[in-house]
Amino acid sequence: MAVLGKLKKIDLREAWKHEALDFTQWLAKDENLALLSEEIGVDINLIETEANVGSFNVDILAEDSNGRKIVIENQLESTNHDHLGKIITYASGYNAEIIIWIVKDVRNEHKQAIDWLNEHTDEKINFFAIKLELWQIDGSPYAPKFQIISKPNEWAKIMKAPISSLTERKLKLLDFWTALNEYLNNKNSEINPQKPSSDHWNNISVGTSKAHISLTALAKEKKIGCEFYIPDNKELYFYLIEHKEKIEQIFGQELYWQELKGKKASRISISRDNFNLYEDNDWEKDFAWFEYNAIRLKKAICPFLKII
């Protein structure tokens, strides 16, 4: 019979004595923001810790791959009214579209408040209440676990959008990305896209805020794509292009390299034609293509990120 370890829950203060000096600094590291990104399905790129909002300081100010502002408020205790007011103040101060409240525990009245905010704001505003836990197996290092307690209802928000924006294509894209997530979850795939939306792209974290993998579905062009997207780091792109031959050898075929001169971003991509967003019966082959190429891109490029 196999020998099993004993799982033990650790008090958060055992690892982080001080929220600002210890926990916020830990969370601000690339690899830890990537853990949070993977849980909520949104890329998080650090801008600043302890950013000023009038006489207050938001714990973490960040942005996603589309430039949407993110504010993160940390509380190593149970939720309270004071911090609920703070996250709304920080969101308005930075015109943030993604607001993340990380806590030891979420009281029911504050879960209801976050749910209410998500229900009564437009599709651009997204509130998350996240419960943080620490676990240990026997004498192992502590392992953090983020758990979403309250999150936006993407479908409900889109249905509340102005009628003019409720195009057939937007609704079909929401169905498409929702079905992709279900396909990957059923396969226990190593690929974990962000929450479904009505956009023509869906992002996948690669464990760093420097870059991510983006899946694209272009209905008019009848094309799908898989790209390694670097939002704002030309130095990284030029470093990777120095290793172009090795990367393409690992990937198994040539890739399309785009510096995107005059823009902050750059990308390395592959695409496929004959995509039809409106043919639901063909989606599974599109999903298989996404998974196959996202895994290949990750394996071909990510090892080089650890060197720099």
Protein backbone atom coordinates (compact mmCIF):
# COMPACT_ATOMS: atom_id res chain seq x y z
CA MET A 1 0.00 0.00 0.00
CA ALA A 2 1.27 3.47 -0.91
CA VAL A 3 2.42 5.72 1.92
CA LEU A 4 0.42 8.94 1.95
CA GLY A 5 1.42 12.27 3.46
CA LYS A 6 -0.74 14.35 5.79
CA LEU A 7 -2.12 17.61 4.41
CA LYS A 8 -1.98 20.48 6.91
CA LYS A 9 -3.47 23.95 6.58
CA ILE A 10 -1.05 26.75 7.56
CA ASP A 11 -2.03 30.15 8.91
CA LEU A 12 -1.15 32.87 6.40
CA ARG A 13 0.79 34.83 9.02
CA GLU A 14 3.21 31.95 9.35
CA ALA A 15 4.58 32.82 5.91
CA TRP A 16 3.83 36.55 5.71
CA LYS A 17 4.00 38.58 8.92
CA HIS A 18 3.20 41.88 7.22
CA GLU A 19 0.82 42.44 4.30
CA ALA A 20 2.71 45.24 2.54
CA LEU A 21 6.30 44.29 3.38
CA ASP A 22 5.96 40.52 3.01
CA PHE A 23 2.87 39.33 1.14
CA THR A 24 2.59 42.14 -1.43
CA GLN A 25 6.30 41.81 -2.28
CA TRP A 26 5.90 38.04 -2.65
CA LEU A 27 2.82 38.36 -4.86
CA ALA A 28 4.47 41.01 -7.07
CA LYS A 29 7.04 38.50 -8.34
CA ASP A 30 6.42 37.21 -11.87
CA GLU A 31 5.99 33.57 -10.89
CA ASN A 32 3.43 34.38 -8.18
CA LEU A 33 1.38 36.78 -10.29
CA ALA A 34 1.36 33.97 -12.87
CA LEU A 35 -0.30 31.68 -10.29
CA LEU A 36 -3.02 34.27 -9.74
CA SER A 37 -3.31 34.84 -13.51
CA GLU A 38 -3.85 31.15 -14.10
CA GLU A 39 -6.58 30.97 -11.47
CA ILE A 40 -8.66 33.91 -12.73
CA GLY A 41 -7.80 33.58 -16.44
CA VAL A 42 -6.47 37.13 -16.85
CA ASP A 43 -2.88 38.10 -17.63
CA ILE A 44 -1.42 40.30 -14.89
CA ASN A 45 1.58 42.49 -15.72
CA LEU A 46 2.98 44.42 -12.77
CA ILE A 47 3.17 48.21 -13.02
CA GLU A 48 3.84 49.26 -9.42
CA THR A 49 3.42 48.22 -5.79
CA GLU A 50 2.02 50.66 -3.21
CA ALA A 51 0.76 52.99 -5.96
CA ASN A 52 -0.76 56.28 -4.75
CA VAL A 53 -4.48 56.96 -4.92
CA GLY A 54 -4.87 60.29 -3.17
CA SER A 55 -3.95 59.69 0.47
CA PHE A 56 -4.21 55.91 0.03
CA ASN A 57 -1.92 53.30 -1.53
CA VAL A 58 -3.19 50.39 -3.62
CA ASP A 59 -1.16 47.24 -2.90
CA ILE A 60 -0.57 46.33 -6.55
CA LEU A 61 -1.30 48.26 -9.72
CA ALA A 62 -1.03 46.17 -12.87
CA GLU A 63 -2.46 45.77 -16.36
CA ASP A 64 -3.49 42.91 -18.60
CA SER A 65 -2.21 42.17 -22.11
CA ASN A 66 -4.82 44.55 -23.57
CA GLY A 67 -3.76 47.47 -21.38
CA ARG A 68 -6.74 47.25 -19.02
CA LYS A 69 -5.79 48.52 -15.55
CA ILE A 70 -5.87 46.02 -12.67
CA VAL A 71 -5.88 46.89 -8.96
CA ILE A 72 -5.15 44.23 -6.34
CA GLU A 73 -5.90 44.74 -2.66
CA ASN A 74 -4.44 42.23 -0.19
CA GLN A 75 -5.92 41.45 3.21
CA LEU A 76 -4.48 38.61 5.29
CA GLU A 77 -7.64 38.64 7.41
CA SER A 78 -11.33 38.15 6.75
CA THR A 79 -13.05 40.75 4.57
CA ASN A 80 -14.33 43.96 6.16
CA HIS A 81 -16.21 47.11 5.13
CA ASP A 82 -13.05 49.24 5.22
CA HIS A 83 -11.30 47.21 2.51
CA LEU A 84 -14.48 46.95 0.44
CA GLY A 85 -14.55 50.74 0.33
CA LYS A 86 -10.86 50.84 -0.52
CA ILE A 87 -11.12 48.59 -3.58
CA ILE A 88 -13.89 50.80 -4.99
CA THR A 89 -11.79 53.91 -4.29
CA TYR A 90 -8.73 52.36 -5.98
CA ALA A 91 -10.76 51.21 -8.96
CA SER A 92 -12.15 54.70 -9.54
CA GLY A 93 -8.77 56.37 -8.91
CA TYR A 94 -7.05 54.39 -11.66
CA ASN A 95 -10.13 53.79 -13.85
CA ALA A 96 -9.44 50.08 -13.38
CA GLU A 97 -11.49 47.47 -15.22
CA ILE A 98 -10.30 44.47 -13.18
CA ILE A 99 -10.46 44.63 -9.38
CA ILE A 100 -9.04 41.75 -7.31
CA TRP A 101 -9.52 41.45 -3.54
CA ILE A 102 -7.31 38.72 -1.99
CA VAL A 103 -8.25 37.72 1.56
CA LYS A 104 -7.96 35.04 4.22
CA ASP A 105 -11.71 34.49 4.16
CA VAL A 106 -14.75 36.09 2.51
CA ARG A 107 -17.69 36.94 4.74
CA ASN A 108 -21.06 36.19 3.19
CA GLU A 109 -22.17 39.85 3.20
CA HIS A 110 -19.04 40.84 1.26
CA LYS A 111 -19.49 38.03 -1.26
CA GLN A 112 -22.99 39.37 -1.81
CA ALA A 113 -21.57 42.88 -2.25
CA ILE A 114 -19.04 41.72 -4.89
CA ASP A 115 -21.73 39.70 -6.66
CA TRP A 116 -23.95 42.79 -6.64
CA LEU A 117 -21.18 44.96 -8.11
CA ASN A 118 -20.61 42.45 -10.91
CA GLU A 119 -24.33 42.32 -11.66
CA HIS A 120 -24.83 46.09 -11.67
CA THR A 121 -21.77 47.31 -13.59
CA ASP A 122 -21.26 47.08 -17.33
CA GLU A 123 -19.30 44.39 -19.17
CA LYS A 124 -16.02 46.30 -18.84
CA ILE A 125 -15.85 46.15 -15.03
CA ASN A 126 -14.83 42.89 -13.34
CA PHE A 127 -14.64 42.26 -9.58
CA PHE A 128 -12.97 39.19 -8.06
CA ALA A 129 -12.99 38.07 -4.43
CA ILE A 130 -10.18 35.54 -3.94
CA LYS A 131 -9.60 33.36 -0.87
CA LEU A 132 -5.95 32.52 -0.21
CA GLU A 133 -4.86 29.38 1.62
CA LEU A 134 -1.50 27.85 2.52
CA TRP A 135 -1.01 24.08 2.67
CA GLN A 136 1.82 21.77 3.65
CA ILE A 137 2.40 18.03 3.23
CA ASP A 138 4.41 16.70 6.17
CA GLY A 139 7.51 18.94 6.25
CA SER A 140 7.22 20.27 2.69
CA PRO A 141 7.49 23.98 1.77
CA TYR A 142 4.23 25.87 2.10
CA ALA A 143 2.06 25.79 -1.04
CA PRO A 144 -0.30 28.72 -1.81
CA LYS A 145 -3.79 28.07 -3.20
CA PHE A 146 -5.98 30.80 -4.70
CA GLN A 147 -9.72 30.08 -4.71
CA ILE A 148 -12.26 32.26 -6.52
CA ILE A 149 -15.20 33.03 -4.24
CA SER A 150 -16.89 35.65 -6.41
CA LYS A 151 -16.24 36.49 -10.05
CA PRO A 152 -17.91 38.24 -13.01
CA ASN A 153 -20.65 36.50 -14.93
CA GLU A 154 -19.43 37.18 -18.47
CA TRP A 155 -22.59 35.98 -20.20
CA ALA A 156 -24.87 38.08 -18.00
CA LYS A 157 -22.75 41.18 -18.61
CA ILE A 158 -22.78 40.73 -22.37
CA MET A 159 -26.54 40.26 -22.33
CA LYS A 160 -26.85 43.59 -20.47
CA ALA A 161 -24.74 45.39 -23.08
CA PRO A 162 -26.41 47.82 -25.51
CA ILE A 163 -28.43 46.07 -28.21
CA SER A 164 -26.18 47.51 -30.92
CA SER A 165 -23.20 45.60 -29.51
CA LEU A 166 -25.01 42.24 -29.31
CA THR A 167 -23.95 41.07 -32.75
CA GLU A 168 -24.28 37.48 -33.84
CA ARG A 169 -20.49 37.29 -34.11
CA LYS A 170 -19.94 38.43 -30.49
CA LEU A 171 -22.41 35.94 -29.11
CA LYS A 172 -20.95 33.17 -31.27
CA LEU A 173 -17.42 33.97 -30.06
CA LEU A 174 -18.60 33.68 -26.46
CA ASP A 175 -20.06 30.26 -27.29
CA PHE A 176 -16.85 29.29 -29.10
CA TRP A 177 -14.47 30.15 -26.23
CA THR A 178 -16.83 28.62 -23.67
CA ALA A 179 -16.85 25.37 -25.66
CA LEU A 180 -13.04 25.50 -25.94
CA ASN A 181 -12.69 25.73 -22.15
CA GLU A 182 -15.06 22.80 -21.72
CA TYR A 183 -13.11 20.77 -24.31
CA LEU A 184 -9.78 21.40 -22.54
CA ASN A 185 -11.22 20.80 -19.06
CA ASN A 186 -12.70 17.47 -20.14
CA LYS A 187 -9.28 16.43 -21.46
CA ASN A 188 -7.45 17.65 -18.32
CA SER A 189 -5.26 19.59 -20.73
CA GLU A 190 -2.15 21.42 -19.57
CA ILE A 191 -3.51 24.43 -21.50
CA ASN A 192 -5.73 26.69 -19.39
CA PRO A 193 -7.21 29.70 -21.26
CA GLN A 194 -8.72 32.73 -19.55
CA LYS A 195 -12.43 33.05 -18.86
CA PRO A 196 -14.57 33.07 -22.03
CA SER A 197 -15.43 36.44 -23.57
CA SER A 198 -16.88 37.84 -26.78
CA ASP A 199 -13.47 39.01 -28.00
CA HIS A 200 -11.71 37.41 -30.97
CA TRP A 201 -8.81 36.30 -28.77
CA ASN A 202 -8.26 34.16 -25.67
CA ASN A 203 -5.03 34.29 -23.68
CA ILE A 204 -3.02 31.58 -21.91
CA SER A 205 -0.51 32.30 -19.14
CA VAL A 206 3.03 30.94 -19.60
CA GLY A 207 4.22 31.66 -16.06
CA THR A 208 5.60 35.16 -16.59
CA SER A 209 4.19 38.65 -17.04
CA LYS A 210 6.67 39.26 -19.89
CA ALA A 211 4.61 37.29 -22.44
CA HIS A 212 1.67 34.98 -22.99
CA ILE A 213 0.18 32.72 -25.63
CA SER A 214 -2.82 34.14 -27.45
CA LEU A 215 -5.38 32.12 -29.40
CA THR A 216 -7.22 34.07 -32.10
CA ALA A 217 -10.42 33.35 -34.02
CA LEU A 218 -10.99 35.68 -36.98
CA ALA A 219 -14.48 35.13 -38.35
CA LYS A 220 -14.24 37.49 -41.35
CA GLU A 221 -10.80 36.25 -42.43
CA LYS A 222 -11.87 32.62 -41.72
CA LYS A 223 -8.59 32.03 -39.91
CA ILE A 224 -7.46 30.86 -36.48
CA GLY A 225 -4.07 31.60 -34.97
CA CYS A 226 -1.79 30.70 -32.09
CA GLU A 227 0.86 33.24 -31.13
CA PHE A 228 3.50 33.93 -28.53
CA TYR A 229 2.65 37.53 -27.69
CA ILE A 230 5.14 39.92 -26.04
CA PRO A 231 3.23 43.07 -24.94
CA ASP A 232 6.12 45.42 -24.18
CA ASN A 233 9.61 43.92 -24.35
CA LYS A 234 11.49 44.33 -27.62
CA GLU A 235 14.67 43.14 -25.89
CA LEU A 236 13.02 39.79 -25.24
CA TYR A 237 11.81 39.53 -28.85
CA PHE A 238 15.30 40.23 -30.25
CA TYR A 239 16.79 37.72 -27.82
CA LEU A 240 14.35 35.06 -29.03
CA ILE A 241 14.98 35.83 -32.70
CA GLU A 242 18.68 35.14 -32.08
CA HIS A 243 17.55 31.60 -31.26
CA LYS A 244 15.03 31.39 -34.11
CA GLU A 245 16.57 28.30 -35.71
CA LYS A 246 16.58 26.34 -32.43
CA ILE A 247 13.06 27.43 -31.49
CA GLU A 248 11.64 26.40 -34.86
CA GLN A 249 13.52 23.11 -34.67
CA ILE A 250 11.86 22.34 -31.32
CA PHE A 251 8.48 23.57 -32.58
CA GLY A 252 8.73 21.40 -35.68
CA GLN A 253 8.11 23.97 -38.42
CA GLU A 254 8.67 27.58 -39.41
CA LEU A 255 6.98 30.35 -37.44
CA TYR A 256 5.93 33.85 -38.47
CA TRP A 257 8.09 36.43 -36.64
CA GLN A 258 6.68 39.97 -36.33
CA GLU A 259 8.65 42.74 -34.65
CA LEU A 260 5.69 45.13 -35.20
CA LYS A 261 7.82 48.22 -35.72
CA GLY A 262 6.44 51.37 -34.14
CA LYS A 263 4.48 49.35 -31.57
CA LYS A 264 5.41 48.17 -28.09
CA ALA A 265 4.27 44.62 -28.80
CA SER A 266 5.76 41.85 -30.92
CA ARG A 267 4.68 38.30 -31.71
CA ILE A 268 5.71 34.88 -32.98
CA SER A 269 2.82 33.02 -34.56
CA ILE A 270 1.29 30.28 -36.66
CA SER A 271 -2.13 30.31 -38.33
CA ARG A 272 -4.57 28.08 -40.21
CA ASP A 273 -7.19 28.93 -42.83
CA ASN A 274 -10.62 27.37 -43.47
CA PHE A 275 -12.08 28.40 -40.11
CA ASN A 276 -15.84 28.83 -39.87
CA LEU A 277 -17.07 30.31 -36.60
CA TYR A 278 -20.67 29.49 -37.47
CA GLU A 279 -20.13 25.74 -38.02
CA ASP A 280 -20.37 24.34 -34.50
CA ASN A 281 -19.70 20.81 -35.75
CA ASP A 282 -16.21 21.85 -36.89
CA TRP A 283 -15.17 23.42 -33.61
CA GLU A 284 -13.60 20.32 -32.11
CA LYS A 285 -10.94 20.18 -34.83
CA ASP A 286 -10.24 23.88 -34.19
CA PHE A 287 -9.88 23.18 -30.46
CA ALA A 288 -7.50 20.28 -31.14
CA TRP A 289 -5.40 22.57 -33.37
CA PHE A 290 -5.27 25.23 -30.65
CA GLU A 291 -4.19 22.77 -27.99
CA TYR A 292 -1.56 21.09 -30.16
CA ASN A 293 0.09 24.33 -31.23
CA ALA A 294 -0.17 26.12 -27.87
CA ILE A 295 1.65 23.21 -26.21
CA ARG A 296 4.29 23.24 -28.96
CA LEU A 297 4.82 27.01 -28.68
CA LYS A 298 5.15 26.78 -24.91
CA LYS A 299 7.71 23.96 -25.11
CA ALA A 300 9.70 25.66 -27.87
CA ILE A 301 9.94 29.16 -26.38
CA CYS A 302 9.46 29.06 -22.61
CA PRO A 303 12.83 27.37 -21.82
CA PHE A 304 14.57 30.42 -23.30
CA LEU A 305 12.67 32.74 -20.93
CA LYS A 306 14.38 31.12 -17.94
CA ILE A 307 17.82 32.15 -19.25
CA ILE A 308 17.21 35.91 -19.30
